[in-house]
Structure formats: C-alpha cells, structure tokens
Amino acid sequence: MNRLKDRVALVTGGASGLGAETCLLFAEQGADIVVADLNDERGAEVVRGVEARGRKAVFHHTDVAKSDDLEAAVRLAEETFGKLDTVVANAGIGGAASRKRLEDLSEEQMDEVIQVNMSGVWRTFKFAAPALRRAGGGSMTSSASVAGQTILGGSTLGGYTASKFGAVGLTKFFAAELAADGIRVNCVCPGRMQTNIDESYHWSAEELEEARRRRQGAVNTVMRTMAEPREVAYLHLFLCSDEASFITGQSIEADGGLNLFMNKAGLVTETPLDQA
C-alpha cells in the first residue's frame, strides 16, 4: 500500500481512462496527485476519488499543447505540496490523423496529433525535470502505444503512429540526459484498451458504436481480450516505484501479446481482428 509513500505525482490526461486509473492507483499507494486535464468536470471527480483514498489532490486545467499550462501545473505541484517527484505524461488523442493516409492529411490535422501526443510529452518532461531535480531525483513515465513500436498493417494510423514513435524516442533521450540527476524516464506502450480515446477520432455516433463493437470482439492478442485501464496503470506504478530503481530508457509493451503477431519487418499484418 506504500509503494509511492508521500510522493507527489503529476498526471497529464488524468481525468479519464488510463490517466484517471493511474491517479487513483498512485493515491492508493501513498501519493498526492496533481490531476492535469482539459476536462474540468471529470478532473474534479478524480480529485474526489483520490481524497476518498486518504490522499490529497488538486486539479489543473491543462492543455499539453501549451507550454504555459504545463509550467503552471508544475508550479502548482510545488506550491501545494512542496515538491514534485513523479510524473506521468499520459495525455493523448487519436484525432483526424488516425483516420487518413499520410498523404491525405492536412497540415492542421498532422499538427494536432503531433502537438499532443509527441510534443506534449516533451513539454511535460521539459517543465517537470527542474522540479524533480530540486526534489533530489525521481521518476517519469510516458504513455505511448504499441503503435509507437509497430507499424499496424492495413491501417490508416500513419499520423498517430508517427506521434507515438516520437513519444518513445523523446522518452529515451530524456532518460539519457537526466540519468545523472537521479531521474529515471520510461515509456509504457499499451495495446488495445477500454478507454474513451475513440471520442477524439471525430467519428459519428454510428462510427463510434461500430468501433466499440469491434473492440469488444477484439481477438488480435494471444490473450483474446482488451486491457482494462488499471491493468496498464500498474505498469506505470511499477516503473515509478523504487522496485524499478535500475530501469530507465525502456519502452515496455502492455498489449496482451499483440507483438507476437509482428513479422520480421515489424508489421502487424493480418490478425483475427481484421476479419471480425
């Protein structure tokens, strides 16, 4: 119950899905939380959930595409709790870039997914690193995707995939640059997961219903199921805890064995999901 005892964690995208479960799990393990998200209502619910678990929490309205927002979130952590020593750069979107071939994307559509999924990780770590240094070290993780390590064959995920490959690369470089400061940096790469990210793909109600129907029938993992957010949150917990004290610069998949369908070129081609 005390794997993060008396630590202070900042979680971006902390109001729903994996981010919310990470906030609640970290609180159960002894951490106080800064919940950073665009959704004020859901953020307030997560704050109440943290407090119900006996820890303190504050919400900060945060757009990870804006440096001022992240700088303010870090400042809030230090002003409220006196320090910041754990960070989860979790905010992410699907967006229109998840639905088109690369050559069909507009600059605006590509910029949107890059600014959140890749540059958002850079901004989060950039502004958090000095605070962790002041705290004497700590740990940071990012949420990328199996799509950040694998090209999903037959899909139109080029923009999304590029943003997640970038997030993985940034995480590894931060790990190299911050090791001397006692700051570990790792990346969690989920596969299929029961979250609300479909809402950010700009689909119609009918398309959303079909996407969720297909996900519920997902069999493109050897485990024949999708992850619950808490199952992936436990990996963030491990990497941010002292149990992972000799682990940094890693990107670790939590994908139910999806990677076992990869061919030698790193492509996930035909899987049972494609015939679902």
C-alpha atoms as a PDB file:
ATOM      1  CA  MET A   1       0.000   0.000   0.000  1.00  0.00           C
ATOM      2  CA  ASN A   2       3.004   2.318   0.225  1.00  0.00           C
ATOM      3  CA  ARG A   3       4.952   1.863  -2.988  1.00  0.00           C
ATOM      4  CA  LEU A   4       4.770   5.661  -3.556  1.00  0.00           C
ATOM      5  CA  LYS A   5       4.540   6.759   0.073  1.00  0.00           C
ATOM      6  CA  ASP A   6       4.476  10.557   0.470  1.00  0.00           C
ATOM      7  CA  ARG A   7       5.424  11.212  -3.140  1.00  0.00           C
ATOM      8  CA  VAL A   8       3.828  13.882  -5.288  1.00  0.00           C
ATOM      9  CA  ALA A   9       2.729  12.880  -8.771  1.00  0.00           C
ATOM     10  CA  LEU A  10       1.614  14.937 -11.755  1.00  0.00           C
ATOM     11  CA  VAL A  11      -0.520  13.012 -14.247  1.00  0.00           C
ATOM     12  CA  THR A  12      -1.493  14.600 -17.560  1.00  0.00           C
ATOM     13  CA  GLY A  13      -4.665  13.331 -19.168  1.00  0.00           C
ATOM     14  CA  GLY A  14      -5.565  12.420 -15.601  1.00  0.00           C
ATOM     15  CA  ALA A  15      -9.309  12.951 -15.810  1.00  0.00           C
ATOM     16  CA  SER A  16     -10.327   9.765 -17.615  1.00  0.00           C
ATOM     17  CA  GLY A  17      -9.270   6.361 -18.869  1.00  0.00           C
ATOM     18  CA  LEU A  18      -5.706   5.290 -18.132  1.00  0.00           C
ATOM     19  CA  GLY A  19      -4.853   8.660 -16.599  1.00  0.00           C
ATOM     20  CA  ALA A  20      -7.696   8.529 -14.082  1.00  0.00           C
ATOM     21  CA  GLU A  21      -6.882   4.960 -13.080  1.00  0.00           C
ATOM     22  CA  THR A  22      -3.230   5.940 -12.678  1.00  0.00           C
ATOM     23  CA  CYS A  23      -4.183   8.811 -10.367  1.00  0.00           C
ATOM     24  CA  LEU A  24      -6.361   6.557  -8.203  1.00  0.00           C
ATOM     25  CA  LEU A  25      -3.835   3.718  -8.103  1.00  0.00           C
ATOM     26  CA  PHE A  26      -0.991   6.074  -7.187  1.00  0.00           C
ATOM     27  CA  ALA A  27      -3.145   7.517  -4.388  1.00  0.00           C
ATOM     28  CA  GLU A  28      -3.814   4.019  -3.065  1.00  0.00           C
ATOM     29  CA  GLN A  29      -0.051   3.574  -2.938  1.00  0.00           C
ATOM     30  CA  GLY A  30       0.554   6.735  -0.888  1.00  0.00           C
ATOM     31  CA  ALA A  31       0.972   9.567  -3.405  1.00  0.00           C
ATOM     32  CA  ASP A  32      -0.603  13.016  -3.534  1.00  0.00           C
ATOM     33  CA  ILE A  33      -1.729  13.956  -7.025  1.00  0.00           C
ATOM     34  CA  VAL A  34      -1.919  16.880  -9.424  1.00  0.00           C
ATOM     35  CA  VAL A  35      -4.599  15.903 -11.942  1.00  0.00           C
ATOM     36  CA  ALA A  36      -3.882  17.749 -15.216  1.00  0.00           C
ATOM     37  CA  ASP A  37      -6.507  17.635 -17.942  1.00  0.00           C
ATOM     38  CA  LEU A  38      -8.809  19.689 -20.175  1.00  0.00           C
ATOM     39  CA  ASN A  39     -11.961  18.193 -18.675  1.00  0.00           C
ATOM     40  CA  ASP A  40     -12.728  20.136 -15.501  1.00  0.00           C
ATOM     41  CA  GLU A  41     -15.759  18.068 -14.500  1.00  0.00           C
ATOM     42  CA  ARG A  42     -14.079  14.696 -14.813  1.00  0.00           C
ATOM     43  CA  GLY A  43     -10.951  16.115 -13.216  1.00  0.00           C
ATOM     44  CA  ALA A  44     -12.935  17.134 -10.145  1.00  0.00           C
ATOM     45  CA  GLU A  45     -14.317  13.595  -9.926  1.00  0.00           C
ATOM     46  CA  VAL A  46     -10.815  12.147  -9.928  1.00  0.00           C
ATOM     47  CA  VAL A  47      -9.748  14.607  -7.208  1.00  0.00           C
ATOM     48  CA  ARG A  48     -12.640  13.375  -5.077  1.00  0.00           C
ATOM     49  CA  GLY A  49     -11.610   9.801  -5.779  1.00  0.00           C
ATOM     50  CA  VAL A  50      -8.061  10.493  -4.631  1.00  0.00           C
ATOM     51  CA  GLU A  51      -9.323  12.177  -1.460  1.00  0.00           C
ATOM     52  CA  ALA A  52     -11.614   9.221  -0.760  1.00  0.00           C
ATOM     53  CA  ARG A  53      -8.474   7.102  -0.717  1.00  0.00           C
ATOM     54  CA  GLY A  54      -6.946   9.253   2.009  1.00  0.00           C
ATOM     55  CA  ARG A  55      -4.585  11.345  -0.098  1.00  0.00           C
ATOM     56  CA  LYS A  56      -4.568  14.969  -1.266  1.00  0.00           C
ATOM     57  CA  ALA A  57      -5.175  16.136  -4.812  1.00  0.00           C
ATOM     58  CA  VAL A  58      -5.622  19.289  -6.866  1.00  0.00           C
ATOM     59  CA  PHE A  59      -6.855  19.751 -10.413  1.00  0.00           C
ATOM     60  CA  HIS A  60      -5.201  21.953 -13.014  1.00  0.00           C
ATOM     61  CA  HIS A  61      -6.865  22.747 -16.340  1.00  0.00           C
ATOM     62  CA  THR A  62      -4.100  21.733 -18.722  1.00  0.00           C
ATOM     63  CA  ASP A  63      -3.676  21.618 -22.470  1.00  0.00           C
ATOM     64  CA  VAL A  64      -0.394  19.776 -23.093  1.00  0.00           C
ATOM     65  CA  ALA A  65      -0.086  21.615 -26.407  1.00  0.00           C
ATOM     66  CA  LYS A  66       0.512  24.811 -24.388  1.00  0.00           C
ATOM     67  CA  SER A  67       3.771  25.367 -22.519  1.00  0.00           C
ATOM     68  CA  ASP A  68       2.203  27.882 -20.137  1.00  0.00           C
ATOM     69  CA  ASP A  69      -0.304  25.288 -18.933  1.00  0.00           C
ATOM     70  CA  LEU A  70       2.348  22.699 -18.133  1.00  0.00           C
ATOM     71  CA  GLU A  71       4.655  25.200 -16.497  1.00  0.00           C
ATOM     72  CA  ALA A  72       1.745  26.278 -14.296  1.00  0.00           C
ATOM     73  CA  ALA A  73       0.830  22.679 -13.423  1.00  0.00           C
ATOM     74  CA  VAL A  74       4.366  22.004 -12.235  1.00  0.00           C
ATOM     75  CA  ARG A  75       4.373  25.235 -10.252  1.00  0.00           C
ATOM     76  CA  LEU A  76       1.051  24.255  -8.646  1.00  0.00           C
ATOM     77  CA  ALA A  77       2.530  20.938  -7.527  1.00  0.00           C
ATOM     78  CA  GLU A  78       5.455  22.620  -5.787  1.00  0.00           C
ATOM     79  CA  GLU A  79       3.338  25.393  -4.257  1.00  0.00           C
ATOM     80  CA  THR A  80       0.689  22.971  -2.989  1.00  0.00           C
ATOM     81  CA  PHE A  81       2.765  20.006  -1.895  1.00  0.00           C
ATOM     82  CA  GLY A  82       6.285  21.443  -1.610  1.00  0.00           C
ATOM     83  CA  LYS A  83       7.810  19.237  -4.293  1.00  0.00           C
ATOM     84  CA  LEU A  84       7.264  17.115  -7.382  1.00  0.00           C
ATOM     85  CA  ASP A  85       8.985  13.776  -7.759  1.00  0.00           C
ATOM     86  CA  THR A  86       6.790  11.599 -10.010  1.00  0.00           C
ATOM     87  CA  VAL A  87       5.377  12.454 -13.449  1.00  0.00           C
ATOM     88  CA  VAL A  88       3.179  10.534 -15.883  1.00  0.00           C
ATOM     89  CA  ALA A  89       2.928  12.157 -19.332  1.00  0.00           C
ATOM     90  CA  ASN A  90      -0.255  10.363 -20.311  1.00  0.00           C
ATOM     91  CA  ALA A  91      -2.341  12.854 -22.309  1.00  0.00           C
ATOM     92  CA  GLY A  92      -3.063  11.691 -25.840  1.00  0.00           C
ATOM     93  CA  ILE A  93      -5.544  11.852 -28.686  1.00  0.00           C
ATOM     94  CA  GLY A  94      -6.484   9.886 -31.760  1.00  0.00           C
ATOM     95  CA  GLY A  95      -7.751  12.773 -33.834  1.00  0.00           C
ATOM     96  CA  ALA A  96      -8.355  13.005 -37.563  1.00  0.00           C
ATOM     97  CA  ALA A  97      -4.760  11.894 -38.147  1.00  0.00           C
ATOM     98  CA  SER A  98      -5.824   8.414 -37.054  1.00  0.00           C
ATOM     99  CA  ARG A  99      -8.242   8.056 -39.935  1.00  0.00           C
ATOM    100  CA  LYS A 100      -6.371   9.043 -43.089  1.00  0.00           C
ATOM    101  CA  ARG A 101      -3.421   8.061 -45.221  1.00  0.00           C
ATOM    102  CA  LEU A 102      -0.413  10.274 -44.589  1.00  0.00           C
ATOM    103  CA  GLU A 103      -0.596  11.934 -47.993  1.00  0.00           C
ATOM    104  CA  ASP A 104      -4.232  12.869 -47.373  1.00  0.00           C
ATOM    105  CA  LEU A 105      -3.602  14.623 -44.061  1.00  0.00           C
ATOM    106  CA  SER A 106      -3.755  18.391 -43.876  1.00  0.00           C
ATOM    107  CA  GLU A 107      -1.013  20.227 -42.002  1.00  0.00           C
ATOM    108  CA  GLU A 108      -3.551  21.123 -39.310  1.00  0.00           C
ATOM    109  CA  GLN A 109      -4.540  17.506 -38.783  1.00  0.00           C
ATOM    110  CA  MET A 110      -0.943  16.341 -38.557  1.00  0.00           C
ATOM    111  CA  ASP A 111      -0.004  19.211 -36.264  1.00  0.00           C
ATOM    112  CA  GLU A 112      -2.866  18.397 -33.905  1.00  0.00           C
ATOM    113  CA  VAL A 113      -1.784  14.843 -33.175  1.00  0.00           C
ATOM    114  CA  ILE A 114       1.934  15.714 -33.044  1.00  0.00           C
ATOM    115  CA  GLN A 115       1.393  18.654 -30.682  1.00  0.00           C
ATOM    116  CA  VAL A 116      -0.460  16.498 -28.152  1.00  0.00           C
ATOM    117  CA  ASN A 117       0.992  13.006 -28.446  1.00  0.00           C
ATOM    118  CA  MET A 118       4.633  13.835 -29.107  1.00  0.00           C
ATOM    119  CA  SER A 119       5.353  17.457 -28.226  1.00  0.00           C
ATOM    120  CA  GLY A 120       3.052  17.125 -25.224  1.00  0.00           C
ATOM    121  CA  VAL A 121       5.442  14.551 -23.793  1.00  0.00           C
ATOM    122  CA  TRP A 122       8.378  16.854 -24.499  1.00  0.00           C
ATOM    123  CA  ARG A 123       6.682  19.811 -22.794  1.00  0.00           C
ATOM    124  CA  THR A 124       5.651  17.752 -19.770  1.00  0.00           C
ATOM    125  CA  PHE A 125       9.144  16.390 -19.176  1.00  0.00           C
ATOM    126  CA  LYS A 126      10.819  19.713 -20.058  1.00  0.00           C
ATOM    127  CA  PHE A 127       8.979  21.644 -17.365  1.00  0.00           C
ATOM    128  CA  ALA A 128       8.888  18.833 -14.805  1.00  0.00           C
ATOM    129  CA  ALA A 129      12.591  17.961 -14.947  1.00  0.00           C
ATOM    130  CA  PRO A 130      13.821  21.030 -12.987  1.00  0.00           C
ATOM    131  CA  ALA A 131      11.262  20.338 -10.257  1.00  0.00           C
ATOM    132  CA  LEU A 132      12.367  16.717  -9.947  1.00  0.00           C
ATOM    133  CA  ARG A 133      15.960  17.905  -9.833  1.00  0.00           C
ATOM    134  CA  ARG A 134      15.043  20.229  -6.946  1.00  0.00           C
ATOM    135  CA  ALA A 135      13.410  17.262  -5.199  1.00  0.00           C
ATOM    136  CA  GLY A 136      16.637  15.283  -5.469  1.00  0.00           C
ATOM    137  CA  GLY A 137      15.550  12.988  -8.285  1.00  0.00           C
ATOM    138  CA  GLY A 138      12.523  10.915  -9.145  1.00  0.00           C
ATOM    139  CA  SER A 139      10.830   9.095 -11.983  1.00  0.00           C
ATOM    140  CA  MET A 140       8.846   9.958 -15.089  1.00  0.00           C
ATOM    141  CA  THR A 141       6.879   7.810 -17.490  1.00  0.00           C
ATOM    142  CA  SER A 142       5.043   8.476 -20.724  1.00  0.00           C
ATOM    143  CA  SER A 143       2.071   6.700 -22.272  1.00  0.00           C
ATOM    144  CA  ALA A 144       2.843   5.892 -25.890  1.00  0.00           C
ATOM    145  CA  SER A 145       1.331   2.911 -27.688  1.00  0.00           C
ATOM    146  CA  VAL A 146       2.198  -0.376 -29.293  1.00  0.00           C
ATOM    147  CA  ALA A 147       1.767   1.775 -32.424  1.00  0.00           C
ATOM    148  CA  GLY A 148       4.897   3.605 -31.291  1.00  0.00           C
ATOM    149  CA  GLN A 149       6.924   0.458 -31.829  1.00  0.00           C
ATOM    150  CA  THR A 150       4.985  -1.332 -34.554  1.00  0.00           C
ATOM    151  CA  ILE A 151       3.531  -0.405 -37.924  1.00  0.00           C
ATOM    152  CA  LEU A 152      -0.020  -1.739 -37.905  1.00  0.00           C
ATOM    153  CA  GLY A 153      -0.509  -3.204 -41.343  1.00  0.00           C
ATOM    154  CA  GLY A 154      -3.578  -2.293 -43.375  1.00  0.00           C
ATOM    155  CA  SER A 155      -4.446   0.683 -41.167  1.00  0.00           C
ATOM    156  CA  THR A 156      -4.617   4.447 -41.633  1.00  0.00           C
ATOM    157  CA  LEU A 157      -2.726   5.212 -38.434  1.00  0.00           C
ATOM    158  CA  GLY A 158       0.250   6.982 -40.015  1.00  0.00           C
ATOM    159  CA  GLY A 159      -0.098  10.297 -38.200  1.00  0.00           C
ATOM    160  CA  TYR A 160      -0.902   8.676 -34.875  1.00  0.00           C
ATOM    161  CA  THR A 161       1.928   6.161 -35.299  1.00  0.00           C
ATOM    162  CA  ALA A 162       4.434   8.926 -36.086  1.00  0.00           C
ATOM    163  CA  SER A 163       3.414  10.815 -32.958  1.00  0.00           C
ATOM    164  CA  LYS A 164       3.814   7.720 -30.781  1.00  0.00           C
ATOM    165  CA  PHE A 165       7.165   6.747 -32.294  1.00  0.00           C
ATOM    166  CA  GLY A 166       8.219  10.296 -31.433  1.00  0.00           C
ATOM    167  CA  ALA A 167       6.998   9.923 -27.862  1.00  0.00           C
ATOM    168  CA  VAL A 168       9.052   6.754 -27.443  1.00  0.00           C
ATOM    169  CA  GLY A 169      12.148   8.438 -28.854  1.00  0.00           C
ATOM    170  CA  LEU A 170      11.775  11.508 -26.679  1.00  0.00           C
ATOM    171  CA  THR A 171      11.385   9.348 -23.590  1.00  0.00           C
ATOM    172  CA  LYS A 172      14.616   7.514 -24.327  1.00  0.00           C
ATOM    173  CA  PHE A 173      16.542  10.747 -24.891  1.00  0.00           C
ATOM    174  CA  PHE A 174      15.234  12.275 -21.673  1.00  0.00           C
ATOM    175  CA  ALA A 175      16.362   9.124 -19.864  1.00  0.00           C
ATOM    176  CA  ALA A 176      19.876   9.587 -21.212  1.00  0.00           C
ATOM    177  CA  GLU A 177      20.002  13.297 -20.410  1.00  0.00           C
ATOM    178  CA  LEU A 178      18.544  13.086 -16.897  1.00  0.00           C
ATOM    179  CA  ALA A 179      20.221   9.955 -15.537  1.00  0.00           C
ATOM    180  CA  ALA A 180      22.987  11.988 -13.879  1.00  0.00           C
ATOM    181  CA  ASP A 181      20.289  13.888 -11.960  1.00  0.00           C
ATOM    182  CA  GLY A 182      18.841  10.728 -10.464  1.00  0.00           C
ATOM    183  CA  ILE A 183      15.764  10.898 -12.694  1.00  0.00           C
ATOM    184  CA  ARG A 184      14.558   7.731 -14.392  1.00  0.00           C
ATOM    185  CA  VAL A 185      12.407   8.002 -17.528  1.00  0.00           C
ATOM    186  CA  ASN A 186      10.486   5.130 -19.135  1.00  0.00           C
ATOM    187  CA  CYS A 187       7.656   4.571 -21.583  1.00  0.00           C
ATOM    188  CA  VAL A 188       4.522   2.421 -21.339  1.00  0.00           C
ATOM    189  CA  CYS A 189       3.156   1.142 -24.667  1.00  0.00           C
ATOM    190  CA  PRO A 190      -0.404  -0.152 -24.332  1.00  0.00           C
ATOM    191  CA  GLY A 191      -2.204  -2.156 -26.968  1.00  0.00           C
ATOM    192  CA  ARG A 192      -5.986  -2.359 -27.158  1.00  0.00           C
ATOM    193  CA  MET A 193      -7.516  -0.820 -24.055  1.00  0.00           C
ATOM    194  CA  GLN A 194     -11.001   0.043 -22.835  1.00  0.00           C
ATOM    195  CA  THR A 195     -10.783   3.850 -22.814  1.00  0.00           C
ATOM    196  CA  ASN A 196     -12.642   6.819 -24.267  1.00  0.00           C
ATOM    197  CA  ILE A 197      -9.948   7.759 -26.804  1.00  0.00           C
ATOM    198  CA  ASP A 198     -12.349   6.819 -29.618  1.00  0.00           C
ATOM    199  CA  GLU A 199     -14.158  10.085 -28.848  1.00  0.00           C
ATOM    200  CA  SER A 200     -11.109  12.025 -30.055  1.00  0.00           C
ATOM    201  CA  TYR A 201     -11.180  10.412 -33.502  1.00  0.00           C
ATOM    202  CA  HIS A 202     -14.006  12.758 -34.621  1.00  0.00           C
ATOM    203  CA  TRP A 203     -16.226   9.816 -35.542  1.00  0.00           C
ATOM    204  CA  SER A 204     -20.002   9.980 -35.888  1.00  0.00           C
ATOM    205  CA  ALA A 205     -22.180   8.265 -33.278  1.00  0.00           C
ATOM    206  CA  GLU A 206     -22.679   5.337 -35.656  1.00  0.00           C
ATOM    207  CA  GLU A 207     -18.948   5.019 -36.285  1.00  0.00           C
ATOM    208  CA  LEU A 208     -18.236   5.129 -32.543  1.00  0.00           C
ATOM    209  CA  GLU A 209     -20.741   2.359 -31.921  1.00  0.00           C
ATOM    210  CA  GLU A 210     -19.179   0.214 -34.622  1.00  0.00           C
ATOM    211  CA  ALA A 211     -15.642   0.863 -33.355  1.00  0.00           C
ATOM    212  CA  ARG A 212     -16.615  -0.168 -29.826  1.00  0.00           C
ATOM    213  CA  ARG A 213     -18.426  -3.245 -31.108  1.00  0.00           C
ATOM    214  CA  ARG A 214     -15.265  -4.294 -32.942  1.00  0.00           C
ATOM    215  CA  ARG A 215     -13.133  -3.642 -29.888  1.00  0.00           C
ATOM    216  CA  GLN A 216     -15.361  -5.768 -27.690  1.00  0.00           C
ATOM    217  CA  GLY A 217     -14.799  -8.565 -30.181  1.00  0.00           C
ATOM    218  CA  ALA A 218     -11.065  -7.931 -30.425  1.00  0.00           C
ATOM    219  CA  VAL A 219      -9.124 -11.154 -30.714  1.00  0.00           C
ATOM    220  CA  ASN A 220      -5.853  -9.829 -32.116  1.00  0.00           C
ATOM    221  CA  THR A 221      -3.946 -10.685 -28.948  1.00  0.00           C
ATOM    222  CA  VAL A 222      -2.972 -14.082 -27.672  1.00  0.00           C
ATOM    223  CA  MET A 223      -4.966 -13.286 -24.523  1.00  0.00           C
ATOM    224  CA  ARG A 224      -8.126 -12.735 -26.620  1.00  0.00           C
ATOM    225  CA  THR A 225      -9.139  -9.644 -24.690  1.00  0.00           C
ATOM    226  CA  MET A 226      -8.543  -5.912 -24.276  1.00  0.00           C
ATOM    227  CA  ALA A 227      -6.876  -4.336 -21.273  1.00  0.00           C
ATOM    228  CA  GLU A 228      -8.723  -2.577 -18.528  1.00  0.00           C
ATOM    229  CA  PRO A 229      -7.006   0.784 -17.818  1.00  0.00           C
ATOM    230  CA  ARG A 230      -5.949  -0.322 -14.338  1.00  0.00           C
ATOM    231  CA  GLU A 231      -4.021  -3.255 -15.786  1.00  0.00           C
ATOM    232  CA  VAL A 232      -1.836  -0.781 -17.681  1.00  0.00           C
ATOM    233  CA  ALA A 233      -1.723   1.693 -14.773  1.00  0.00           C
ATOM    234  CA  TYR A 234       0.065  -0.972 -12.732  1.00  0.00           C
ATOM    235  CA  LEU A 235       2.957  -0.789 -15.194  1.00  0.00           C
ATOM    236  CA  HIS A 236       3.219   2.990 -14.640  1.00  0.00           C
ATOM    237  CA  LEU A 237       3.169   2.272 -10.899  1.00  0.00           C
ATOM    238  CA  PHE A 238       5.981  -0.264 -11.134  1.00  0.00           C
ATOM    239  CA  LEU A 239       8.169   1.996 -13.278  1.00  0.00           C
ATOM    240  CA  CYS A 240       7.638   4.969 -10.942  1.00  0.00           C
ATOM    241  CA  SER A 241       8.319   2.937  -7.797  1.00  0.00           C
ATOM    242  CA  ASP A 242      11.637   2.035  -6.202  1.00  0.00           C
ATOM    243  CA  GLU A 243      11.117  -1.520  -7.458  1.00  0.00           C
ATOM    244  CA  ALA A 244      12.243  -0.229 -10.879  1.00  0.00           C
ATOM    245  CA  SER A 245      15.279   1.597  -9.485  1.00  0.00           C
ATOM    246  CA  PHE A 246      17.625   0.167 -12.135  1.00  0.00           C
ATOM    247  CA  ILE A 247      15.272   0.604 -15.098  1.00  0.00           C
ATOM    248  CA  THR A 248      15.443   3.666 -17.337  1.00  0.00           C
ATOM    249  CA  GLY A 249      15.155   4.447 -21.033  1.00  0.00           C
ATOM    250  CA  GLN A 250      12.848   1.493 -21.661  1.00  0.00           C
ATOM    251  CA  SER A 251       9.640   1.232 -23.690  1.00  0.00           C
ATOM    252  CA  ILE A 252       7.578  -1.646 -22.366  1.00  0.00           C
ATOM    253  CA  GLU A 253       4.536  -3.085 -24.098  1.00  0.00           C
ATOM    254  CA  ALA A 254       1.345  -3.959 -22.232  1.00  0.00           C
ATOM    255  CA  ASP A 255      -0.501  -5.360 -25.224  1.00  0.00           C
ATOM    256  CA  GLY A 256      -1.798  -8.799 -24.353  1.00  0.00           C
ATOM    257  CA  GLY A 257       0.653 -10.390 -26.777  1.00  0.00           C
ATOM    258  CA  LEU A 258      -0.216  -8.321 -29.853  1.00  0.00           C
ATOM    259  CA  ASN A 259       3.526  -8.075 -30.548  1.00  0.00           C
ATOM    260  CA  LEU A 260       3.566 -11.820 -31.157  1.00  0.00           C
ATOM    261  CA  PHE A 261       1.771 -11.163 -34.456  1.00  0.00           C
ATOM    262  CA  MET A 262       4.648  -8.988 -35.703  1.00  0.00           C
ATOM    263  CA  ASN A 263       6.558 -10.152 -38.753  1.00  0.00           C
ATOM    264  CA  LYS A 264      10.265  -9.632 -39.368  1.00  0.00           C
ATOM    265  CA  ALA A 265       9.648  -6.135 -40.719  1.00  0.00           C
ATOM    266  CA  GLY A 266       7.911  -5.092 -37.511  1.00  0.00           C
ATOM    267  CA  LEU A 267       4.487  -5.086 -39.181  1.00  0.00           C
ATOM    268  CA  VAL A 268       1.344  -6.409 -37.610  1.00  0.00           C
ATOM    269  CA  THR A 269      -0.397  -7.624 -40.739  1.00  0.00           C
ATOM    270  CA  GLU A 270      -3.441  -9.857 -40.901  1.00  0.00           C
ATOM    271  CA  THR A 271      -4.756 -10.774 -37.454  1.00  0.00           C
ATOM    272  CA  PRO A 272      -8.089 -12.246 -36.399  1.00  0.00           C
ATOM    273  CA  LEU A 273      -9.342  -8.707 -35.719  1.00  0.00           C
ATOM    274  CA  ASP A 274      -9.155  -7.915 -39.426  1.00  0.00           C
ATOM    275  CA  GLN A 275     -11.845 -10.484 -40.103  1.00  0.00           C
ATOM    276  CA  ALA A 276     -14.010  -9.526 -37.087  1.00  0.00           C
END
